[in-house]
Amino acid sequence: MDSILEKNLYFFKEHVGLFKASNNYDIYDPESKNIILNCREKNLNPAYKIIRMFFQDFKRMTPFEIDITRLDGRKILKVKKRFSLFLSKVQVFDENDKIVGIFKQKLFPIGNNFDMLDKNETLVCKLKGNLIGWNFKFIQNNKEIGLVTKKWSGIGKEMFTSADNYILEIKENVNKDNAVRLLILAAVICIDMVIKE
């Protein structure tokens, strides 16, 4: 696992765009305020671009494939979703395109919830959010191991663009070499692309 995944704080900044189809993000180290990772959406079908630009209500149904890379282009992981009508299933792959986990959206309890599974579809932790809030918790064995919150960057920017910014905190009790860190990092993309679009 890449050493950059040993950090406990990440700031996700979505690229600004009034009429944009693809989603791209930069990930910053909040302490140094330097960009440490890039997230770029790849291989977006032209038909899905049109749906995303002109039929916003259907945007979350469209598939996506986003690579998270170091600044030199070296891939850390990939987050991928196929077309879905109702409940989404998101796959997470490592730098060698081997599956490391799956997010399965839950209908109940009511809210924005996912089961986060390993490659064998064994439950690793749960992602829990509420219907209207911007706070999401990662729960493992009834303990919080991470938190995602929305970082407001100014009311005008948020109202007139589709850019969202998030702070990800991975708790100190998560070992630096624990593979759940890959899933937690990928979950921020899942929150923005599946729940909050």
N, C-alpha and C. Protein backbone atom coordinates (compact mmCIF):
# COMPACT_ATOMS: atom_id res chain seq x y z
N MET A 1 0.84 -1.18 0.00
CA MET A 1 0.00 0.00 0.00
C MET A 1 0.88 1.24 0.00
N ASP A 2 0.52 2.23 -0.78
CA ASP A 2 1.30 3.45 -0.92
C ASP A 2 1.36 4.22 0.39
N SER A 3 2.52 4.78 0.71
CA SER A 3 2.72 5.50 1.98
C SER A 3 1.83 6.74 2.09
N ILE A 4 1.38 7.29 0.98
CA ILE A 4 0.53 8.48 1.02
C ILE A 4 -0.82 8.18 1.67
N LEU A 5 -1.17 6.88 1.75
CA LEU A 5 -2.42 6.48 2.38
C LEU A 5 -2.30 6.36 3.89
N GLU A 6 -1.14 6.70 4.44
CA GLU A 6 -0.95 6.65 5.89
C GLU A 6 -1.40 7.92 6.58
N LYS A 7 -1.76 8.95 5.81
CA LYS A 7 -2.19 10.21 6.41
C LYS A 7 -3.57 10.05 7.04
N ASN A 8 -3.88 10.95 7.96
CA ASN A 8 -5.18 10.91 8.62
C ASN A 8 -6.13 12.01 8.17
N LEU A 9 -5.63 13.02 7.47
CA LEU A 9 -6.48 14.10 6.99
C LEU A 9 -6.24 14.34 5.50
N TYR A 10 -7.35 14.50 4.76
CA TYR A 10 -7.29 14.80 3.33
C TYR A 10 -8.37 15.84 3.02
N PHE A 11 -8.06 16.77 2.14
CA PHE A 11 -9.04 17.75 1.69
C PHE A 11 -9.30 17.53 0.21
N PHE A 12 -10.54 17.16 -0.15
CA PHE A 12 -10.94 16.92 -1.53
C PHE A 12 -11.55 18.19 -2.09
N LYS A 13 -10.99 18.69 -3.17
CA LYS A 13 -11.50 19.90 -3.81
C LYS A 13 -11.93 19.56 -5.22
N GLU A 14 -13.23 19.69 -5.47
CA GLU A 14 -13.77 19.38 -6.79
C GLU A 14 -13.48 20.53 -7.75
N HIS A 15 -13.15 20.20 -9.00
CA HIS A 15 -12.92 21.23 -10.00
C HIS A 15 -14.22 21.96 -10.31
N VAL A 16 -14.10 23.26 -10.44
CA VAL A 16 -15.26 24.11 -10.68
C VAL A 16 -15.70 23.98 -12.14
N GLY A 17 -17.03 24.01 -12.36
CA GLY A 17 -17.54 24.00 -13.72
C GLY A 17 -19.02 24.28 -13.74
N LEU A 18 -19.42 25.27 -14.50
CA LEU A 18 -20.84 25.62 -14.58
C LEU A 18 -21.62 24.55 -15.34
N PHE A 19 -21.11 24.15 -16.51
CA PHE A 19 -21.72 23.07 -17.28
C PHE A 19 -20.64 22.03 -17.54
N LYS A 20 -20.49 21.10 -16.63
CA LYS A 20 -19.45 20.10 -16.81
C LYS A 20 -20.06 18.72 -16.73
N ALA A 21 -19.47 17.81 -17.48
CA ALA A 21 -19.97 16.44 -17.50
C ALA A 21 -19.14 15.54 -16.60
N SER A 22 -17.82 15.62 -16.71
CA SER A 22 -16.96 14.74 -15.91
C SER A 22 -16.61 15.41 -14.59
N ASN A 23 -16.31 14.57 -13.61
CA ASN A 23 -15.94 15.06 -12.28
C ASN A 23 -14.47 14.82 -12.05
N ASN A 24 -13.77 15.87 -11.63
CA ASN A 24 -12.35 15.78 -11.32
C ASN A 24 -12.11 16.50 -10.00
N TYR A 25 -11.15 15.97 -9.24
CA TYR A 25 -10.85 16.50 -7.92
C TYR A 25 -9.34 16.57 -7.74
N ASP A 26 -8.92 17.46 -6.85
CA ASP A 26 -7.55 17.46 -6.35
C ASP A 26 -7.64 17.16 -4.86
N ILE A 27 -6.71 16.37 -4.37
CA ILE A 27 -6.67 16.04 -2.95
C ILE A 27 -5.46 16.74 -2.34
N TYR A 28 -5.73 17.52 -1.30
CA TYR A 28 -4.69 18.31 -0.63
C TYR A 28 -4.35 17.71 0.73
N ASP A 29 -3.13 17.97 1.17
CA ASP A 29 -2.74 17.76 2.56
C ASP A 29 -3.17 19.03 3.30
N PRO A 30 -4.16 18.96 4.20
CA PRO A 30 -4.65 20.18 4.86
C PRO A 30 -3.58 20.92 5.67
N GLU A 31 -2.56 20.19 6.13
CA GLU A 31 -1.52 20.83 6.93
C GLU A 31 -0.57 21.65 6.07
N SER A 32 -0.08 21.07 4.98
CA SER A 32 0.86 21.78 4.11
C SER A 32 0.15 22.63 3.06
N LYS A 33 -1.15 22.34 2.84
CA LYS A 33 -1.97 22.99 1.80
C LYS A 33 -1.46 22.70 0.38
N ASN A 34 -0.71 21.61 0.23
CA ASN A 34 -0.20 21.20 -1.08
C ASN A 34 -1.07 20.08 -1.66
N ILE A 35 -1.20 20.09 -3.00
CA ILE A 35 -1.89 18.98 -3.67
C ILE A 35 -1.01 17.74 -3.56
N ILE A 36 -1.61 16.63 -3.14
CA ILE A 36 -0.83 15.40 -3.02
C ILE A 36 -1.34 14.30 -3.96
N LEU A 37 -2.62 14.39 -4.37
CA LEU A 37 -3.20 13.39 -5.26
C LEU A 37 -4.16 14.06 -6.24
N ASN A 38 -4.32 13.44 -7.40
CA ASN A 38 -5.31 13.88 -8.38
C ASN A 38 -6.35 12.79 -8.56
N CYS A 39 -7.59 13.19 -8.79
CA CYS A 39 -8.67 12.26 -9.12
C CYS A 39 -9.23 12.70 -10.46
N ARG A 40 -9.17 11.83 -11.45
CA ARG A 40 -9.62 12.18 -12.79
C ARG A 40 -10.57 11.13 -13.32
N GLU A 41 -11.71 11.61 -13.84
CA GLU A 41 -12.69 10.71 -14.44
C GLU A 41 -12.25 10.39 -15.86
N LYS A 42 -12.30 9.10 -16.19
CA LYS A 42 -11.84 8.63 -17.49
C LYS A 42 -12.97 7.95 -18.25
N ASN A 43 -12.78 7.88 -19.55
CA ASN A 43 -13.61 7.04 -20.42
C ASN A 43 -15.11 7.30 -20.31
N LEU A 44 -15.50 8.58 -20.19
CA LEU A 44 -16.92 8.89 -20.09
C LEU A 44 -17.56 8.87 -21.47
N ASN A 45 -18.55 8.01 -21.64
CA ASN A 45 -19.27 7.86 -22.89
C ASN A 45 -19.95 9.17 -23.28
N PRO A 46 -19.90 9.58 -24.56
CA PRO A 46 -20.54 10.84 -24.99
C PRO A 46 -22.03 10.92 -24.65
N ALA A 47 -22.74 9.80 -24.71
CA ALA A 47 -24.17 9.80 -24.37
C ALA A 47 -24.37 10.15 -22.90
N TYR A 48 -23.49 9.62 -22.04
CA TYR A 48 -23.60 9.92 -20.61
C TYR A 48 -23.21 11.37 -20.33
N LYS A 49 -22.29 11.91 -21.12
CA LYS A 49 -21.95 13.34 -20.98
C LYS A 49 -23.18 14.20 -21.20
N ILE A 50 -23.95 13.87 -22.22
CA ILE A 50 -25.17 14.64 -22.53
C ILE A 50 -26.17 14.51 -21.39
N ILE A 51 -26.35 13.29 -20.87
CA ILE A 51 -27.28 13.08 -19.75
C ILE A 51 -26.85 13.91 -18.56
N ARG A 52 -25.57 13.89 -18.24
CA ARG A 52 -25.09 14.63 -17.08
C ARG A 52 -25.25 16.13 -17.23
N MET A 53 -25.04 16.62 -18.44
CA MET A 53 -25.12 18.07 -18.66
C MET A 53 -26.55 18.59 -18.72
N PHE A 54 -27.47 17.82 -19.29
CA PHE A 54 -28.80 18.35 -19.55
C PHE A 54 -29.93 17.67 -18.78
N PHE A 55 -29.64 16.53 -18.16
CA PHE A 55 -30.67 15.81 -17.41
C PHE A 55 -30.13 15.49 -16.01
N GLN A 56 -29.97 16.53 -15.22
CA GLN A 56 -29.33 16.44 -13.91
C GLN A 56 -29.96 15.38 -12.99
N ASP A 57 -31.27 15.19 -13.11
CA ASP A 57 -31.95 14.23 -12.23
C ASP A 57 -31.48 12.79 -12.45
N PHE A 58 -30.88 12.53 -13.60
CA PHE A 58 -30.43 11.17 -13.93
C PHE A 58 -28.91 11.00 -13.77
N LYS A 59 -28.24 12.06 -13.34
CA LYS A 59 -26.77 12.05 -13.29
C LYS A 59 -26.22 10.93 -12.41
N ARG A 60 -26.84 10.73 -11.26
CA ARG A 60 -26.31 9.72 -10.34
C ARG A 60 -26.49 8.29 -10.84
N MET A 61 -27.31 8.10 -11.86
CA MET A 61 -27.50 6.76 -12.44
C MET A 61 -26.37 6.39 -13.40
N THR A 62 -25.67 7.39 -13.93
CA THR A 62 -24.67 7.13 -14.96
C THR A 62 -23.43 6.46 -14.38
N PRO A 63 -22.73 5.69 -15.19
CA PRO A 63 -21.50 5.05 -14.72
C PRO A 63 -20.36 6.05 -14.62
N PHE A 64 -19.34 5.68 -13.86
CA PHE A 64 -18.12 6.50 -13.81
C PHE A 64 -16.92 5.61 -13.53
N GLU A 65 -15.77 6.12 -13.88
CA GLU A 65 -14.48 5.48 -13.59
C GLU A 65 -13.50 6.59 -13.26
N ILE A 66 -13.03 6.62 -12.03
CA ILE A 66 -12.14 7.69 -11.57
C ILE A 66 -10.86 7.07 -11.03
N ASP A 67 -9.73 7.53 -11.55
CA ASP A 67 -8.42 7.12 -11.06
C ASP A 67 -7.92 8.13 -10.04
N ILE A 68 -7.42 7.64 -8.92
CA ILE A 68 -6.73 8.49 -7.95
C ILE A 68 -5.25 8.20 -8.11
N THR A 69 -4.50 9.26 -8.46
CA THR A 69 -3.08 9.09 -8.80
C THR A 69 -2.21 10.08 -8.01
N ARG A 70 -0.95 9.70 -7.89
CA ARG A 70 0.04 10.65 -7.40
C ARG A 70 0.25 11.73 -8.47
N LEU A 71 0.94 12.79 -8.11
CA LEU A 71 1.15 13.89 -9.06
C LEU A 71 1.97 13.46 -10.26
N ASP A 72 2.79 12.41 -10.12
CA ASP A 72 3.58 11.92 -11.25
C ASP A 72 2.78 10.98 -12.16
N GLY A 73 1.49 10.79 -11.84
CA GLY A 73 0.62 9.94 -12.67
C GLY A 73 0.52 8.50 -12.20
N ARG A 74 1.30 8.13 -11.19
CA ARG A 74 1.25 6.76 -10.69
C ARG A 74 -0.06 6.51 -9.96
N LYS A 75 -0.79 5.46 -10.38
CA LYS A 75 -2.12 5.19 -9.84
C LYS A 75 -2.02 4.61 -8.43
N ILE A 76 -2.91 5.12 -7.56
CA ILE A 76 -3.05 4.61 -6.20
C ILE A 76 -4.24 3.67 -6.13
N LEU A 77 -5.36 4.10 -6.73
CA LEU A 77 -6.55 3.26 -6.79
C LEU A 77 -7.52 3.77 -7.84
N LYS A 78 -8.52 2.95 -8.13
CA LYS A 78 -9.56 3.29 -9.10
C LYS A 78 -10.92 3.03 -8.47
N VAL A 79 -11.86 3.96 -8.72
CA VAL A 79 -13.23 3.84 -8.22
C VAL A 79 -14.13 3.76 -9.45
N LYS A 80 -14.99 2.72 -9.50
CA LYS A 80 -15.76 2.47 -10.72
C LYS A 80 -17.19 2.07 -10.38
N LYS A 81 -18.15 2.64 -11.12
CA LYS A 81 -19.56 2.29 -10.97
C LYS A 81 -20.16 2.07 -12.34
N ARG A 82 -20.99 1.05 -12.45
CA ARG A 82 -21.73 0.81 -13.68
C ARG A 82 -23.07 1.55 -13.62
N PHE A 83 -23.79 1.56 -14.72
CA PHE A 83 -25.11 2.18 -14.76
C PHE A 83 -26.01 1.53 -13.71
N SER A 84 -26.77 2.35 -12.99
CA SER A 84 -27.69 1.81 -11.98
C SER A 84 -28.98 2.60 -11.98
N LEU A 85 -30.09 1.90 -11.87
CA LEU A 85 -31.39 2.57 -11.84
C LEU A 85 -31.76 3.06 -10.45
N PHE A 86 -31.43 2.25 -9.42
CA PHE A 86 -31.90 2.60 -8.09
C PHE A 86 -30.77 2.59 -7.08
N LEU A 87 -30.37 1.42 -6.62
CA LEU A 87 -29.29 1.31 -5.64
C LEU A 87 -27.97 1.07 -6.36
N SER A 88 -26.95 1.80 -5.95
CA SER A 88 -25.66 1.73 -6.63
C SER A 88 -24.72 0.71 -6.00
N LYS A 89 -23.87 0.17 -6.85
CA LYS A 89 -22.78 -0.72 -6.42
C LYS A 89 -21.51 -0.14 -7.02
N VAL A 90 -20.54 0.17 -6.15
CA VAL A 90 -19.30 0.82 -6.57
C VAL A 90 -18.14 -0.11 -6.25
N GLN A 91 -17.24 -0.28 -7.22
CA GLN A 91 -16.08 -1.15 -7.02
C GLN A 91 -14.82 -0.31 -6.82
N VAL A 92 -13.91 -0.81 -5.98
CA VAL A 92 -12.64 -0.14 -5.71
C VAL A 92 -11.51 -1.10 -6.09
N PHE A 93 -10.56 -0.59 -6.89
CA PHE A 93 -9.43 -1.40 -7.36
C PHE A 93 -8.12 -0.76 -6.89
N ASP A 94 -7.11 -1.61 -6.67
CA ASP A 94 -5.81 -1.09 -6.26
C ASP A 94 -5.01 -0.60 -7.47
N GLU A 95 -3.76 -0.26 -7.25
CA GLU A 95 -2.92 0.30 -8.32
C GLU A 95 -2.67 -0.69 -9.46
N ASN A 96 -2.88 -1.99 -9.19
CA ASN A 96 -2.70 -3.02 -10.21
C ASN A 96 -4.02 -3.49 -10.82
N ASP A 97 -5.08 -2.72 -10.61
CA ASP A 97 -6.42 -3.02 -11.10
C ASP A 97 -7.00 -4.32 -10.54
N LYS A 98 -6.57 -4.67 -9.33
CA LYS A 98 -7.15 -5.82 -8.62
C LYS A 98 -8.19 -5.29 -7.65
N ILE A 99 -9.35 -5.93 -7.64
CA ILE A 99 -10.44 -5.44 -6.79
C ILE A 99 -10.07 -5.59 -5.32
N VAL A 100 -10.30 -4.53 -4.55
CA VAL A 100 -10.02 -4.56 -3.11
C VAL A 100 -11.29 -4.39 -2.29
N GLY A 101 -12.36 -3.91 -2.93
CA GLY A 101 -13.58 -3.73 -2.16
C GLY A 101 -14.76 -3.28 -3.00
N ILE A 102 -15.92 -3.32 -2.37
CA ILE A 102 -17.18 -2.97 -3.03
C ILE A 102 -18.02 -2.17 -2.04
N PHE A 103 -18.69 -1.14 -2.56
CA PHE A 103 -19.68 -0.40 -1.76
C PHE A 103 -21.05 -0.79 -2.29
N LYS A 104 -21.93 -1.22 -1.39
CA LYS A 104 -23.31 -1.54 -1.78
C LYS A 104 -24.24 -0.58 -1.05
N GLN A 105 -25.00 0.19 -1.83
CA GLN A 105 -25.92 1.15 -1.25
C GLN A 105 -27.08 0.42 -0.59
N LYS A 106 -27.47 0.91 0.59
CA LYS A 106 -28.54 0.30 1.36
C LYS A 106 -29.80 1.14 1.28
N LEU A 107 -30.92 0.49 1.15
CA LEU A 107 -32.21 1.19 1.14
C LEU A 107 -32.66 1.50 2.56
N PHE A 108 -32.44 0.55 3.47
CA PHE A 108 -32.84 0.74 4.87
C PHE A 108 -31.63 0.51 5.75
N PRO A 109 -31.44 1.21 6.87
CA PRO A 109 -32.36 2.24 7.35
C PRO A 109 -32.34 3.45 6.43
N ILE A 110 -33.39 4.25 6.49
CA ILE A 110 -33.50 5.41 5.61
C ILE A 110 -32.32 6.34 5.84
N GLY A 111 -31.73 6.77 4.78
CA GLY A 111 -30.56 7.64 4.85
C GLY A 111 -29.60 7.30 3.74
N ASN A 112 -28.44 7.87 3.79
CA ASN A 112 -27.42 7.66 2.77
C ASN A 112 -26.39 6.69 3.33
N ASN A 113 -26.64 5.40 3.15
CA ASN A 113 -25.84 4.37 3.79
C ASN A 113 -25.30 3.37 2.77
N PHE A 114 -24.07 2.92 3.02
CA PHE A 114 -23.44 1.89 2.20
C PHE A 114 -22.82 0.86 3.12
N ASP A 115 -22.88 -0.41 2.69
CA ASP A 115 -22.03 -1.44 3.28
C ASP A 115 -20.73 -1.42 2.50
N MET A 116 -19.61 -1.39 3.21
CA MET A 116 -18.29 -1.41 2.57
C MET A 116 -17.72 -2.81 2.77
N LEU A 117 -17.52 -3.51 1.65
CA LEU A 117 -17.14 -4.92 1.67
C LEU A 117 -15.73 -5.09 1.12
N ASP A 118 -15.05 -6.16 1.55
CA ASP A 118 -13.75 -6.47 0.95
C ASP A 118 -13.96 -7.21 -0.37
N LYS A 119 -12.88 -7.65 -0.98
CA LYS A 119 -12.98 -8.30 -2.31
C LYS A 119 -13.79 -9.59 -2.27
N ASN A 120 -13.91 -10.22 -1.08
CA ASN A 120 -14.71 -11.43 -0.93
C ASN A 120 -16.14 -11.13 -0.51
N GLU A 121 -16.50 -9.85 -0.52
CA GLU A 121 -17.82 -9.35 -0.15
C GLU A 121 -18.16 -9.62 1.31
N THR A 122 -17.11 -9.59 2.17
CA THR A 122 -17.28 -9.65 3.61
C THR A 122 -17.33 -8.22 4.13
N LEU A 123 -18.26 -7.94 5.03
CA LEU A 123 -18.42 -6.59 5.56
C LEU A 123 -17.16 -6.13 6.29
N VAL A 124 -16.65 -4.96 5.90
CA VAL A 124 -15.48 -4.36 6.54
C VAL A 124 -15.92 -3.26 7.48
N CYS A 125 -16.79 -2.37 7.00
CA CYS A 125 -17.35 -1.31 7.82
C CYS A 125 -18.58 -0.76 7.11
N LYS A 126 -19.25 0.18 7.76
CA LYS A 126 -20.44 0.81 7.20
C LYS A 126 -20.19 2.30 7.04
N LEU A 127 -20.74 2.85 5.96
CA LEU A 127 -20.72 4.29 5.74
C LEU A 127 -22.13 4.78 6.03
N LYS A 128 -22.25 5.67 7.01
CA LYS A 128 -23.57 6.13 7.43
C LYS A 128 -23.67 7.65 7.31
N GLY A 129 -24.72 8.08 6.63
CA GLY A 129 -25.02 9.51 6.51
C GLY A 129 -26.50 9.71 6.71
N ASN A 130 -26.91 10.97 6.88
CA ASN A 130 -28.33 11.21 7.01
C ASN A 130 -28.88 11.79 5.71
N LEU A 131 -30.17 11.95 5.64
CA LEU A 131 -30.82 12.37 4.40
C LEU A 131 -30.48 13.80 3.99
N ILE A 132 -30.29 14.69 4.94
CA ILE A 132 -30.09 16.09 4.58
C ILE A 132 -28.71 16.62 4.94
N GLY A 133 -27.98 15.93 5.76
CA GLY A 133 -26.71 16.45 6.24
C GLY A 133 -25.54 16.15 5.33
N TRP A 134 -24.41 16.73 5.69
CA TRP A 134 -23.18 16.55 4.92
C TRP A 134 -22.14 15.77 5.72
N ASN A 135 -22.54 15.17 6.82
CA ASN A 135 -21.62 14.40 7.64
C ASN A 135 -21.84 12.92 7.41
N PHE A 136 -20.74 12.22 7.17
CA PHE A 136 -20.77 10.78 6.94
C PHE A 136 -19.75 10.12 7.85
N LYS A 137 -20.17 9.04 8.51
CA LYS A 137 -19.29 8.35 9.44
C LYS A 137 -18.99 6.94 8.93
N PHE A 138 -17.77 6.50 9.17
CA PHE A 138 -17.36 5.13 8.88
C PHE A 138 -17.39 4.38 10.22
N ILE A 139 -18.20 3.33 10.29
CA ILE A 139 -18.39 2.60 11.54
C ILE A 139 -17.90 1.17 11.36
N GLN A 140 -17.02 0.76 12.28
CA GLN A 140 -16.51 -0.62 12.28
C GLN A 140 -16.61 -1.15 13.70
N ASN A 141 -17.30 -2.25 13.89
CA ASN A 141 -17.50 -2.84 15.22
C ASN A 141 -18.01 -1.80 16.21
N ASN A 142 -19.00 -1.03 15.78
CA ASN A 142 -19.65 0.01 16.60
C ASN A 142 -18.72 1.15 17.01
N LYS A 143 -17.57 1.29 16.33
CA LYS A 143 -16.65 2.40 16.60
C LYS A 143 -16.47 3.23 15.34
N GLU A 144 -16.37 4.54 15.53
CA GLU A 144 -16.14 5.43 14.40
C GLU A 144 -14.66 5.38 14.01
N ILE A 145 -14.39 5.05 12.73
CA ILE A 145 -13.00 4.99 12.28
C ILE A 145 -12.67 6.08 11.26
N GLY A 146 -13.69 6.85 10.88
CA GLY A 146 -13.45 7.93 9.93
C GLY A 146 -14.68 8.81 9.80
N LEU A 147 -14.47 9.99 9.20
CA LEU A 147 -15.53 10.98 9.07
C LEU A 147 -15.29 11.81 7.82
N VAL A 148 -16.37 12.06 7.07
CA VAL A 148 -16.32 12.96 5.92
C VAL A 148 -17.29 14.11 6.20
N THR A 149 -16.81 15.34 6.05
CA THR A 149 -17.66 16.51 6.21
C THR A 149 -17.50 17.42 5.01
N LYS A 150 -18.54 18.18 4.73
CA LYS A 150 -18.50 19.11 3.60
C LYS A 150 -17.74 20.36 4.02
N LYS A 151 -16.85 20.80 3.19
CA LYS A 151 -16.07 22.01 3.46
C LYS A 151 -16.63 23.11 2.57
N TRP A 152 -17.33 24.07 3.15
CA TRP A 152 -17.91 25.17 2.38
C TRP A 152 -16.81 26.13 1.95
N SER A 153 -16.83 26.52 0.69
CA SER A 153 -15.79 27.42 0.18
C SER A 153 -16.39 28.75 -0.26
N GLY A 154 -17.53 29.09 0.28
CA GLY A 154 -18.15 30.36 -0.08
C GLY A 154 -19.50 30.14 -0.72
N ILE A 155 -20.50 30.85 -0.25
CA ILE A 155 -21.87 30.61 -0.70
C ILE A 155 -22.03 30.84 -2.19
N GLY A 156 -21.40 31.86 -2.75
CA GLY A 156 -21.54 32.13 -4.19
C GLY A 156 -20.99 31.01 -5.03
N LYS A 157 -19.83 30.50 -4.66
CA LYS A 157 -19.21 29.43 -5.42
C LYS A 157 -20.06 28.16 -5.36
N GLU A 158 -20.62 27.88 -4.19
CA GLU A 158 -21.43 26.67 -4.04
C GLU A 158 -22.76 26.78 -4.78
N MET A 159 -23.32 27.98 -4.86
CA MET A 159 -24.62 28.14 -5.50
C MET A 159 -24.54 28.12 -7.02
N PHE A 160 -23.47 28.67 -7.58
CA PHE A 160 -23.43 28.85 -9.03
C PHE A 160 -22.53 27.86 -9.76
N THR A 161 -21.96 26.94 -9.05
CA THR A 161 -21.19 25.87 -9.69
C THR A 161 -21.60 24.56 -9.04
N SER A 162 -21.11 23.47 -9.61
CA SER A 162 -21.41 22.17 -9.03
C SER A 162 -20.24 21.66 -8.19
N ALA A 163 -19.33 22.54 -7.76
CA ALA A 163 -18.15 22.12 -7.02
C ALA A 163 -18.49 21.87 -5.55
N ASP A 164 -18.06 20.72 -5.04
CA ASP A 164 -18.20 20.38 -3.63
C ASP A 164 -16.82 20.05 -3.10
N ASN A 165 -16.57 20.45 -1.86
CA ASN A 165 -15.30 20.17 -1.22
C ASN A 165 -15.56 19.40 0.07
N TYR A 166 -14.67 18.46 0.38
CA TYR A 166 -14.86 17.60 1.54
C TYR A 166 -13.56 17.46 2.33
N ILE A 167 -13.71 17.32 3.64
CA ILE A 167 -12.60 16.96 4.51
C ILE A 167 -12.81 15.50 4.92
N LEU A 168 -11.79 14.69 4.73
CA LEU A 168 -11.80 13.30 5.17
C LEU A 168 -10.85 13.17 6.35
N GLU A 169 -11.36 12.63 7.44
CA GLU A 169 -10.52 12.33 8.60
C GLU A 169 -10.57 10.84 8.87
N ILE A 170 -9.40 10.20 8.87
CA ILE A 170 -9.28 8.80 9.25
C ILE A 170 -8.75 8.79 10.68
N LYS A 171 -9.44 8.12 11.56
CA LYS A 171 -9.11 8.16 12.98
C LYS A 171 -7.76 7.48 13.26
N GLU A 172 -7.14 7.93 14.34
CA GLU A 172 -5.82 7.43 14.74
C GLU A 172 -5.82 5.93 15.03
N ASN A 173 -7.00 5.38 15.39
CA ASN A 173 -7.05 3.95 15.73
C ASN A 173 -7.02 3.03 14.51
N VAL A 174 -6.97 3.61 13.30
CA VAL A 174 -6.86 2.80 12.07
C VAL A 174 -5.38 2.66 11.75
N ASN A 175 -4.88 1.44 11.76
CA ASN A 175 -3.46 1.20 11.50
C ASN A 175 -3.04 1.75 10.14
N LYS A 176 -1.82 2.22 10.05
CA LYS A 176 -1.31 2.85 8.83
C LYS A 176 -1.30 1.90 7.64
N ASP A 177 -1.18 0.59 7.90
CA ASP A 177 -1.13 -0.39 6.81
C ASP A 177 -2.45 -1.12 6.59
N ASN A 178 -3.52 -0.64 7.23
CA ASN A 178 -4.83 -1.29 7.12
C ASN A 178 -5.45 -0.97 5.76
N ALA A 179 -5.84 -2.01 5.04
CA ALA A 179 -6.40 -1.83 3.69
C ALA A 179 -7.73 -1.09 3.69
N VAL A 180 -8.37 -0.96 4.84
CA VAL A 180 -9.62 -0.20 4.90
C VAL A 180 -9.39 1.26 4.51
N ARG A 181 -8.14 1.74 4.61
CA ARG A 181 -7.81 3.11 4.22
C ARG A 181 -8.10 3.34 2.73
N LEU A 182 -7.84 2.33 1.91
CA LEU A 182 -8.16 2.44 0.48
C LEU A 182 -9.65 2.67 0.29
N LEU A 183 -10.46 1.90 1.00
CA LEU A 183 -11.90 2.02 0.87
C LEU A 183 -12.41 3.35 1.39
N ILE A 184 -11.86 3.82 2.50
CA ILE A 184 -12.29 5.09 3.08
C ILE A 184 -11.96 6.24 2.13
N LEU A 185 -10.78 6.22 1.54
CA LEU A 185 -10.40 7.28 0.59
C LEU A 185 -11.33 7.25 -0.63
N ALA A 186 -11.60 6.07 -1.14
CA ALA A 186 -12.48 5.93 -2.31
C ALA A 186 -13.91 6.34 -1.99
N ALA A 187 -14.31 6.22 -0.73
CA ALA A 187 -15.69 6.51 -0.35
C ALA A 187 -16.05 7.97 -0.56
N VAL A 188 -15.09 8.87 -0.49
CA VAL A 188 -15.39 10.29 -0.70
C VAL A 188 -15.91 10.51 -2.12
N ILE A 189 -15.29 9.82 -3.09
CA ILE A 189 -15.77 9.89 -4.48
C ILE A 189 -17.18 9.33 -4.56
N CYS A 190 -17.41 8.23 -3.87
CA CYS A 190 -18.73 7.59 -3.86
C CYS A 190 -19.78 8.54 -3.28
N ILE A 191 -19.45 9.21 -2.19
CA ILE A 191 -20.39 10.16 -1.57
C ILE A 191 -20.75 11.26 -2.55
N ASP A 192 -19.75 11.83 -3.21
CA ASP A 192 -20.03 12.95 -4.10
C ASP A 192 -20.76 12.52 -5.37
N MET A 193 -20.32 11.42 -5.96
CA MET A 193 -20.86 11.00 -7.26
C MET A 193 -22.21 10.27 -7.15
N VAL A 194 -22.44 9.54 -6.06
CA VAL A 194 -23.64 8.73 -5.94
C VAL A 194 -24.69 9.39 -5.05
N ILE A 195 -24.27 9.97 -3.94
CA ILE A 195 -25.24 10.50 -2.99
C ILE A 195 -25.54 11.97 -3.23
N LYS A 196 -24.50 12.76 -3.44
CA LYS A 196 -24.69 14.20 -3.40
C LYS A 196 -24.84 14.86 -4.76
N GLU A 197 -24.71 14.13 -5.86
CA GLU A 197 -24.89 14.76 -7.18
C GLU A 197 -26.34 15.20 -7.37
